[in-house]
Protein backbone atom coordinates (compact mmCIF):
# COMPACT_ATOMS: atom_id res chain seq x y z
CA UNK A 1 111.59 83.84 118.21
CA UNK A 2 113.83 85.47 115.49
CA UNK A 3 114.53 89.10 115.15
CA UNK A 4 112.28 89.17 111.96
CA UNK A 5 109.40 87.68 113.96
CA UNK A 6 109.91 90.36 116.65
CA UNK A 7 109.93 93.16 114.08
CA UNK A 8 106.62 91.84 112.54
CA UNK A 9 104.86 91.70 115.89
CA UNK A 10 106.19 95.09 117.02
CA UNK A 11 104.80 96.54 113.71
CA UNK A 12 101.32 95.17 114.86
CA UNK A 13 101.82 96.90 118.27
CA UNK A 14 102.62 100.11 116.21
CA UNK A 15 99.21 99.74 114.53
CA UNK A 16 97.61 99.66 117.92
CA UNK A 17 99.67 102.74 119.05
CA UNK A 18 98.54 104.70 115.98
CA UNK A 19 94.95 103.69 116.85
CA UNK A 20 95.50 105.10 120.37
CA UNK A 21 96.76 108.40 118.85
CA UNK A 22 93.77 108.62 116.59
CA UNK A 23 91.63 108.61 119.77
CA UNK A 24 93.64 111.36 121.49
CA UNK A 25 95.56 108.88 123.71
CA UNK A 26 99.35 108.71 124.16
CA UNK A 27 100.30 106.49 121.31
CA UNK A 28 101.29 103.21 122.95
CA UNK A 29 100.18 99.80 121.54
CA UNK A 30 100.68 96.26 122.57
CA UNK A 31 100.08 92.68 121.25
CA UNK A 32 100.19 89.36 123.11
CA UNK A 33 101.51 86.37 121.26
CA UNK A 34 101.63 82.55 122.01
CA UNK A 35 102.96 80.08 119.68
CA UNK A 36 103.46 82.64 116.95
CA UNK A 37 99.76 83.58 117.02
CA UNK A 38 98.45 87.06 118.21
CA UNK A 39 95.83 86.39 120.99
CA UNK A 40 95.34 89.71 122.14
CA UNK A 41 95.80 93.47 121.24
CA UNK A 42 95.70 96.61 123.30
CA UNK A 43 95.77 100.34 122.62
CA UNK A 44 96.37 103.03 125.26
CA UNK A 45 93.13 104.25 126.54
CA UNK A 46 93.16 105.79 130.08
CA UNK A 47 91.68 109.12 128.91
CA UNK A 48 88.90 107.71 126.96
CA UNK A 49 87.64 105.16 129.54
CA UNK A 50 88.76 107.30 132.72
CA UNK A 51 90.85 104.39 134.03
CA UNK A 52 94.38 105.01 135.22
CA UNK A 53 95.12 101.45 134.54
CA UNK A 54 94.07 101.14 131.12
CA UNK A 55 97.54 101.16 129.56
CA UNK A 56 97.99 99.31 126.37
CA UNK A 57 99.74 96.35 128.01
CA UNK A 58 97.11 96.03 130.68
CA UNK A 59 94.30 96.08 127.96
CA UNK A 60 96.26 93.34 126.06
CA UNK A 61 96.77 91.27 129.38
CA UNK A 62 93.10 91.59 130.29
CA UNK A 63 91.97 90.49 126.70
CA UNK A 64 94.50 87.60 126.63
CA UNK A 65 93.57 86.28 129.97
CA UNK A 66 89.85 86.34 129.15
CA UNK A 67 90.54 84.38 125.84
CA UNK A 68 92.68 81.83 127.42
CA UNK A 69 90.43 81.56 130.60
CA UNK A 70 93.39 81.91 132.95
CA UNK A 71 95.17 84.84 134.47
CA UNK A 72 98.47 82.95 134.16
CA UNK A 73 99.72 83.60 130.69
CA UNK A 74 102.58 80.95 130.54
CA UNK A 75 104.47 80.68 127.24
CA UNK A 76 103.29 84.13 126.04
CA UNK A 77 105.38 87.13 124.90
CA UNK A 78 104.08 90.74 125.07
CA UNK A 79 105.14 93.27 122.57
CA UNK A 80 104.77 97.02 123.57
CA UNK A 81 105.93 100.02 121.81
CA UNK A 82 107.14 101.78 125.00
CA UNK A 83 109.14 100.43 128.04
CA UNK A 84 106.68 99.25 130.68
CA UNK A 85 105.82 101.21 133.74
CA UNK A 86 105.94 99.74 137.27
CA UNK A 87 102.26 98.97 137.32
CA UNK A 88 102.42 97.12 133.95
CA UNK A 89 105.67 95.30 134.76
CA UNK A 90 104.11 94.05 138.05
CA UNK A 91 101.09 92.68 136.09
CA UNK A 92 103.34 90.97 133.48
CA UNK A 93 105.31 89.28 136.30
CA UNK A 94 102.05 88.16 138.08
CA UNK A 95 100.76 86.84 134.75
CA UNK A 96 103.94 84.74 134.24
CA UNK A 97 104.79 85.94 131.01
CA UNK A 98 107.59 84.21 129.40
CA UNK A 99 109.01 87.32 127.66
CA UNK A 100 108.47 91.04 127.24
CA UNK A 101 109.77 92.83 124.17
CA UNK A 102 109.37 96.69 124.01
CA UNK A 103 110.51 99.33 121.52
CA UNK A 104 111.42 102.75 122.91
CA UNK A 105 112.94 103.22 126.23
CA UNK A 106 111.07 105.51 128.84
CA UNK A 107 113.57 107.52 130.89
CA UNK A 108 110.85 108.90 133.09
CA UNK A 109 108.89 105.96 134.20
CA UNK A 110 110.49 102.84 132.61
CA UNK A 111 110.50 99.72 134.87
CA UNK A 112 112.57 97.52 132.54
CA UNK A 113 115.92 99.07 133.11
CA UNK A 114 115.69 102.95 132.63
CA UNK A 115 114.44 104.08 136.07
CA UNK A 116 114.35 100.71 137.74
CA UNK A 117 114.40 96.92 136.56
CA UNK A 118 111.55 94.93 138.27
CA UNK A 119 112.18 92.09 135.88
CA UNK A 120 115.65 91.57 137.14
CA UNK A 121 114.60 91.69 140.85
CA UNK A 122 116.01 88.42 142.30
CA UNK A 123 113.69 88.33 145.36
CA UNK A 124 110.72 87.90 143.15
CA UNK A 125 109.54 84.32 142.59
CA UNK A 126 109.36 84.77 138.76
CA UNK A 127 111.67 86.24 136.19
CA UNK A 128 110.49 87.20 132.76
CA UNK A 129 112.95 87.65 129.98
CA UNK A 130 113.08 91.16 128.55
CA UNK A 131 114.37 92.75 125.35
CA UNK A 132 114.26 96.36 124.45
CA UNK A 133 115.10 98.43 121.39
CA UNK A 134 113.02 96.53 118.81
CA UNK A 135 111.84 99.19 116.14
CA UNK A 136 112.82 101.63 118.79
CA UNK A 137 113.27 104.61 116.15
CA UNK A 138 109.71 104.01 114.72
CA UNK A 139 108.24 103.64 118.25
CA UNK A 140 110.00 106.76 119.55
CA UNK A 141 109.21 108.85 116.45
CA UNK A 142 105.48 108.24 116.92
CA UNK A 143 105.73 109.42 120.57
CA UNK A 144 107.77 112.40 119.59
CA UNK A 145 105.32 113.46 116.92
CA UNK A 146 102.31 113.06 119.17
CA UNK A 147 103.73 115.12 121.90
CA UNK A 148 105.13 117.85 119.47
CA UNK A 149 101.66 118.12 117.93
CA UNK A 150 100.17 118.42 121.42
CA UNK A 151 102.56 121.18 122.51
CA UNK A 152 101.80 123.03 119.22
CA UNK A 153 98.14 122.67 120.00
CA UNK A 154 98.58 124.15 123.56
CA UNK A 155 100.52 127.06 122.16
CA UNK A 156 97.69 127.77 119.70
CA UNK A 157 95.12 127.26 122.42
CA UNK A 158 96.84 130.10 124.46
CA UNK A 159 96.49 132.53 121.34
CA UNK A 160 95.30 135.83 122.46
CA UNK A 161 91.70 136.65 121.78
CA UNK A 162 90.77 139.61 119.55
CA UNK A 163 88.98 142.35 121.29
CA UNK A 164 86.20 141.90 118.67
CA UNK A 165 85.66 138.30 119.35
CA UNK A 166 84.43 135.75 121.86
CA UNK A 167 85.85 132.39 122.71
CA UNK A 168 83.57 129.70 124.21
CA UNK A 169 85.11 128.53 127.58
CA UNK A 170 86.66 125.02 127.09
CA UNK A 171 84.52 123.54 130.03
CA UNK A 172 81.50 123.85 127.90
CA UNK A 173 82.85 121.01 125.71
CA UNK A 174 83.67 118.66 128.66
CA UNK A 175 82.47 115.09 128.29
CA UNK A 176 80.30 115.58 125.19
CA UNK A 177 78.89 112.15 124.08
CA UNK A 178 80.49 110.54 121.09
CA UNK A 179 83.23 113.37 120.66
CA UNK A 180 86.56 112.22 122.06
CA UNK A 181 88.92 113.63 119.64
CA UNK A 182 91.92 115.96 120.31
CA UNK A 183 91.31 119.55 119.11
CA UNK A 184 93.59 121.27 116.54
CA UNK A 185 93.95 125.07 116.14
CA UNK A 186 95.26 127.38 113.68
CA UNK A 187 95.48 131.25 113.89
CA UNK A 188 97.91 132.44 111.51
CA UNK A 189 96.32 132.00 108.26
CA UNK A 190 96.15 135.39 106.45
CA UNK A 191 92.25 135.50 106.25
CA UNK A 192 91.96 134.87 109.94
CA UNK A 193 93.82 137.87 111.00
CA UNK A 194 94.51 136.43 114.39
CA UNK A 195 91.15 134.76 114.95
CA UNK A 196 91.57 131.09 116.15
CA UNK A 197 89.97 128.35 114.13
CA UNK A 198 89.41 124.89 115.41
CA UNK A 199 89.44 121.62 113.46
CA UNK A 200 89.54 117.92 114.06
CA UNK A 201 92.33 115.92 112.13
CA UNK A 202 92.13 112.25 112.51
CA UNK A 203 94.01 109.44 110.71
CA UNK A 204 97.11 109.05 108.66
CA UNK A 205 98.36 112.00 106.59
CA UNK A 206 99.25 109.69 103.81
CA UNK A 207 95.81 108.01 103.81
CA UNK A 208 94.27 106.88 100.35
CA UNK A 209 91.34 109.28 101.01
CA UNK A 210 90.83 112.42 102.98
CA UNK A 211 87.26 113.37 104.12
CA UNK A 212 86.95 117.11 104.48
CA UNK A 213 83.76 117.39 106.40
CA UNK A 214 82.02 121.00 106.44
CA UNK A 215 79.27 121.54 108.78
CA UNK A 216 76.28 124.10 108.42
CA UNK A 217 74.25 126.40 110.42
CA UNK A 218 73.63 126.22 113.32
CA UNK A 219 75.73 123.01 114.01
CA UNK A 220 79.52 122.38 114.22
CA UNK A 221 82.00 119.56 113.90
CA UNK A 222 80.04 117.55 116.43
CA UNK A 223 77.56 116.84 113.61
CA UNK A 224 80.25 114.37 112.16
CA UNK A 225 80.52 112.28 115.25
CA UNK A 226 79.06 109.26 113.58
CA UNK A 227 81.01 109.51 110.38
CA UNK A 228 84.55 110.02 111.73
CA UNK A 229 84.87 106.42 113.40
CA UNK A 230 83.73 104.82 110.08
CA UNK A 231 86.11 106.91 107.96
CA UNK A 232 89.05 106.14 110.36
CA UNK A 233 88.27 102.34 110.45
CA UNK A 234 88.62 102.38 106.74
CA UNK A 235 92.18 103.77 107.07
CA UNK A 236 91.21 107.30 105.91
CA UNK A 237 91.90 110.64 107.23
CA UNK A 238 89.20 113.02 108.36
CA UNK A 239 89.42 116.92 108.62
CA UNK A 240 86.40 118.62 110.12
CA UNK A 241 86.80 122.32 110.86
CA UNK A 242 84.53 124.56 113.00
CA UNK A 243 83.71 127.55 110.58
CA UNK A 244 84.61 130.80 112.46
CA UNK A 245 81.62 131.76 114.71
CA UNK A 246 80.91 128.06 115.42
CA UNK A 247 81.86 125.25 117.70
CA UNK A 248 85.38 125.80 119.36
CA UNK A 249 86.49 128.44 116.75
CA UNK A 250 86.52 132.12 117.82
CA UNK A 251 83.31 134.10 117.43
CA UNK A 252 83.33 137.74 116.04
CA UNK A 253 80.83 139.74 117.97
CA UNK A 254 79.42 141.49 114.96
CA UNK A 255 77.13 139.83 112.33
CA UNK A 256 78.78 142.05 109.65
CA UNK A 257 81.98 140.08 109.93
CA UNK A 258 80.31 136.95 108.52
CA UNK A 259 80.79 137.38 104.75
CA UNK A 260 80.58 134.65 102.01
CA UNK A 261 83.89 135.42 100.46
CA UNK A 262 85.82 135.66 103.74
CA UNK A 263 84.57 132.33 105.11
CA UNK A 264 85.40 130.76 101.70
CA UNK A 265 88.89 132.14 101.75
CA UNK A 266 89.56 130.89 105.40
CA UNK A 267 88.71 127.41 104.03
CA UNK A 268 90.81 127.66 100.99
CA UNK A 269 93.89 128.71 103.30
CA UNK A 270 93.20 125.86 105.72
CA UNK A 271 93.11 123.19 102.82
CA UNK A 272 96.33 124.72 101.46
CA UNK A 273 97.96 124.81 104.96
CA UNK A 274 97.09 121.19 105.61
CA UNK A 275 97.99 120.34 102.04
CA UNK A 276 94.95 118.06 101.76
CA UNK A 277 95.21 115.61 98.93
CA UNK A 278 92.56 113.09 97.43
CA UNK A 279 89.89 114.93 99.25
CA UNK A 280 86.32 113.74 99.32
CA UNK A 281 84.45 116.95 99.85
CA UNK A 282 81.68 116.11 102.47
CA UNK A 283 79.04 118.80 102.81
CA UNK A 284 75.77 119.74 104.26
CA UNK A 285 73.77 122.82 104.56
CA UNK A 286 76.25 125.87 104.56
CA UNK A 287 79.12 123.52 104.42
CA UNK A 288 77.86 122.96 100.77
CA UNK A 289 77.17 126.69 99.95
CA UNK A 290 80.84 127.37 100.82
CA UNK A 291 82.42 123.97 100.14
CA UNK A 292 80.93 123.54 96.44
CA UNK A 293 83.05 126.70 95.51
CA UNK A 294 86.34 125.31 96.72
CA UNK A 295 87.44 122.55 94.23
CA UNK A 296 87.46 124.98 91.22
CA UNK A 297 90.57 126.78 93.00
CA UNK A 298 92.55 123.65 93.05
CA UNK A 299 90.81 120.63 91.26
CA UNK A 300 93.90 118.44 91.56
CA UNK A 301 93.35 118.15 95.40
CA UNK A 302 89.76 116.72 95.02
CA UNK A 303 88.77 112.96 94.42
CA UNK A 304 85.01 113.01 95.29
CA UNK A 305 82.01 114.99 96.53
CA UNK A 306 79.62 113.73 99.04
CA UNK A 307 76.74 116.21 99.19
CA UNK A 308 73.75 116.16 101.64
CA UNK A 309 70.83 118.48 101.77
CA UNK A 310 72.58 121.76 100.56
CA UNK A 311 72.68 123.90 97.33
CA UNK A 312 74.52 126.22 94.96
CA UNK A 313 73.08 129.65 95.54
CA UNK A 314 73.58 131.19 92.10
CA UNK A 315 71.03 133.99 92.62
CA UNK A 316 69.48 132.76 89.31
CA UNK A 317 67.00 130.27 90.86
CA UNK A 318 64.39 131.21 93.65
CA UNK A 319 65.27 130.09 96.99
CA UNK A 320 62.83 127.29 98.24
CA UNK A 321 59.80 128.22 100.21
CA UNK A 322 61.12 126.19 103.03
CA UNK A 323 64.22 128.24 103.29
CA UNK A 324 62.49 131.64 103.02
CA UNK A 325 60.20 130.34 105.83
CA UNK A 326 63.33 129.32 107.86
CA UNK A 327 64.99 132.67 107.27
CA UNK A 328 61.86 134.62 108.39
CA UNK A 329 61.67 132.41 111.51
CA UNK A 330 65.11 133.08 112.53
CA UNK A 331 64.59 136.75 112.33
CA UNK A 332 61.53 136.45 114.51
CA UNK A 333 63.45 134.18 117.00
CA UNK A 334 67.29 135.10 116.93
CA UNK A 335 67.80 133.45 120.21
CA UNK A 336 66.37 130.08 119.53
CA UNK A 337 67.86 127.05 121.43
CA UNK A 338 69.84 124.95 118.98
CA UNK A 339 69.22 122.01 121.36
CA UNK A 340 65.57 122.32 120.90
CA UNK A 341 65.86 122.79 117.08
CA UNK A 342 67.88 119.56 116.92
CA UNK A 343 65.48 117.67 119.09
CA UNK A 344 62.57 118.68 116.78
CA UNK A 345 64.50 117.98 113.73
CA UNK A 346 66.35 114.56 114.53
CA UNK A 347 64.39 111.60 115.91
CA UNK A 348 66.18 109.81 118.54
CA UNK A 349 68.71 112.16 119.63
CA UNK A 350 69.40 112.00 123.47
CA UNK A 351 69.05 115.04 125.62
CA UNK A 352 72.92 115.17 126.08
CA UNK A 353 73.55 115.03 122.39
CA UNK A 354 70.95 117.91 122.04
CA UNK A 355 72.74 119.92 124.61
CA UNK A 356 76.02 119.37 122.82
CA UNK A 357 74.76 121.35 119.88
CA UNK A 358 74.13 124.33 122.23
CA UNK A 359 77.63 123.98 123.89
CA UNK A 360 79.52 126.59 121.68
CA UNK A 361 76.87 129.42 122.37
CA UNK A 362 76.50 130.16 126.16
CA UNK A 363 74.49 133.36 125.36
CA UNK A 364 73.43 135.57 122.56
CA UNK A 365 76.67 137.28 122.40
CA UNK A 366 78.21 134.16 120.91
CA UNK A 367 75.43 133.78 118.07
CA UNK A 368 76.52 136.49 115.67
CA UNK A 369 77.09 133.76 112.97
CA UNK A 370 73.78 132.01 113.73
CA UNK A 371 71.92 135.28 113.16
CA UNK A 372 73.93 136.15 110.05
CA UNK A 373 74.11 133.05 108.04
CA UNK A 374 70.41 132.85 107.02
CA UNK A 375 70.71 136.44 105.69
CA UNK A 376 73.88 135.52 103.78
CA UNK A 377 72.46 133.01 101.27
CA UNK A 378 72.73 134.58 97.87
CA UNK A 379 69.12 135.39 96.58
CA UNK A 380 69.72 137.66 93.53
CA UNK A 381 72.56 137.51 91.06
CA UNK A 382 74.29 140.59 92.58
CA UNK A 383 74.31 139.20 96.14
CA UNK A 384 77.77 138.33 97.61
CA UNK A 385 78.77 134.94 96.75
CA UNK A 386 76.44 134.62 93.82
CA UNK A 387 79.17 135.04 91.36
CA UNK A 388 81.33 132.38 92.96
CA UNK A 389 78.36 130.01 92.93
CA UNK A 390 77.88 130.60 89.26
CA UNK A 391 81.43 130.10 88.62
CA UNK A 392 81.33 126.74 90.60
CA UNK A 393 78.20 125.73 88.71
CA UNK A 394 80.25 125.92 85.56
CA UNK A 395 82.91 124.01 87.00
CA UNK A 396 80.66 121.15 88.34
CA UNK A 397 78.95 120.95 85.03
CA UNK A 398 81.79 120.72 82.70
CA UNK A 399 85.11 120.56 84.57
CA UNK A 400 84.65 118.05 87.39
CA UNK A 401 86.46 114.84 86.72
CA UNK A 402 85.81 113.18 90.27
CA UNK A 403 83.10 111.01 91.60
CA UNK A 404 79.96 112.22 93.38
CA UNK A 405 77.67 110.68 95.85
CA UNK A 406 74.46 112.32 97.10
CA UNK A 407 72.22 111.56 100.16
CA UNK A 408 68.94 113.28 100.51
CA UNK A 409 66.88 113.59 103.67
CA UNK A 410 63.31 113.66 102.35
CA UNK A 411 61.84 115.19 105.41
CA UNK A 412 63.85 118.37 104.96
CA UNK A 413 61.55 121.47 104.45
CA UNK A 414 64.51 123.66 103.64
CA UNK A 415 66.96 121.94 101.24
CA UNK A 416 64.71 118.84 100.39
CA UNK A 417 64.49 116.62 97.30
CA UNK A 418 63.53 119.09 94.81
CA UNK A 419 66.56 121.33 95.82
CA UNK A 420 69.04 118.49 95.63
CA UNK A 421 67.79 117.39 92.25
CA UNK A 422 68.46 120.72 90.90
CA UNK A 423 71.86 120.48 92.47
CA UNK A 424 72.38 117.08 90.95
CA UNK A 425 71.62 118.44 87.41
CA UNK A 426 74.70 120.73 87.92
CA UNK A 427 77.04 117.60 88.86
CA UNK A 428 78.40 115.96 85.79
CA UNK A 429 78.04 112.07 86.07
CA UNK A 430 76.25 112.28 89.56
CA UNK A 431 74.23 109.23 89.90
CA UNK A 432 70.74 108.86 91.59
CA UNK A 433 71.01 110.09 95.05
CA UNK A 434 70.46 107.77 98.13
CA UNK A 435 67.14 108.83 99.31
CA UNK A 436 66.46 108.65 103.23
CA UNK A 437 62.72 108.83 103.70
CA UNK A 438 62.83 109.21 107.60
CA UNK A 439 65.58 111.77 107.61
CA UNK A 440 65.23 115.58 107.71
CA UNK A 441 67.69 118.46 107.14
CA UNK A 442 70.58 117.24 109.35
CA UNK A 443 71.42 114.26 107.18
CA UNK A 444 74.68 113.21 109.04
CA UNK A 445 72.63 112.38 112.04
CA UNK A 446 71.37 109.36 109.95
CA UNK A 447 74.54 107.69 111.41
CA UNK A 448 77.24 105.18 110.72
CA UNK A 449 75.21 103.31 108.14
CA UNK A 450 75.35 106.24 105.71
CA UNK A 451 79.02 106.78 106.33
CA UNK A 452 79.64 103.06 105.53
CA UNK A 453 77.59 103.55 102.17
CA UNK A 454 79.98 106.45 101.29
CA UNK A 455 83.07 104.58 102.08
CA UNK A 456 81.86 101.79 99.84
CA UNK A 457 81.12 104.20 97.12
CA UNK A 458 84.45 106.09 97.13
CA UNK A 459 86.40 103.07 98.29
CA UNK A 460 85.60 101.32 94.95
CA UNK A 461 86.47 104.25 92.99
CA UNK A 462 89.88 104.53 94.98
CA UNK A 463 90.63 100.97 94.00
CA UNK A 464 89.95 101.31 90.54
CA UNK A 465 92.12 104.44 90.11
């Protein structure tokens, strides 16, 4: 094959490597080619599959052998972004590959010349041609960036805990169903004052759209587990923070720490720090109470709004009877189990999924935010946050130039259809909402189909820009 062909196939392997990185795996990718046709692909996945043999090369070899109906892969070339290890090299020789092409050398475990060269061993009964260094800079840069980011995350994970806060033990988050993504942390935003905030950040930084997913009370970024794979499959970026007091973020011990303006300022600084662009603001419950006040601070960053069962609490409209009942119930039952609430509210959740919503809160000491948030919804014009909501209302009514999309869980007694219709009247150009007759308050639990509807809506808008 020509060098141009090698470059083209290595770029496909790089796509697989990026897919591995997005899943929290070391970014190595592979493609298997025969007669100029890609017959198999592989992305590194030993962590996600708990399989030490699930290197990208092995995944591609297995897929190719299954497709051809033969473990012998005569006449095939394997392209891989990193020099194969001894395990993979042995499998390649056993498969009788004609040729192996790799990108970056691996000075620690490489078995194609860096540590040893199995392919040149004359005592073996088959020799495979090997070529290294194809798009080596791009392959190496992807690996270096991944490990630099991981080291930074490890440093932040070691951030000292403030005396007035708690940090949920990491083992509480082990093996959560449907939540494989790597954690990211930040603690040096001015508003955090040393508290550590956790967020997910999946997808390319230069993606055509970035979905900023803001959860409500009493959930955390686990709420977005059905949406993230859909947004990523569309080639988009997803940023999903845990509000302070929730999820993997630090949890102040006192309820008084949770003020509307402070939480908003943390989010504003996070958006600025990550330099988010072409944002689709994706909100539910308190994610909307706070999130709907963000775009007026920097409207040029925002492309769209995806709102689900939330409100603008201006203090000028009475809060719904359903919300007032919820707030009163929280006062009487401050230590309610989030898992039981989710099981009652969302049809079809597994026991493990319900338990995942409890994971951040080992005992009542971690629950200050859960107790505080129902009391922080502005009810009167002078309540904290009401002025920000009124300013946001004016922005959405007259200055918003992006597109909007609404989904309403009609079974929600707190922020149901009537509340969402009032919100829609504040959003210039907002079309009729997508009404979900069998869905309650926690609308993102409606699943991937809802996320695909949002991608279709905003993807059409993106292509027309």
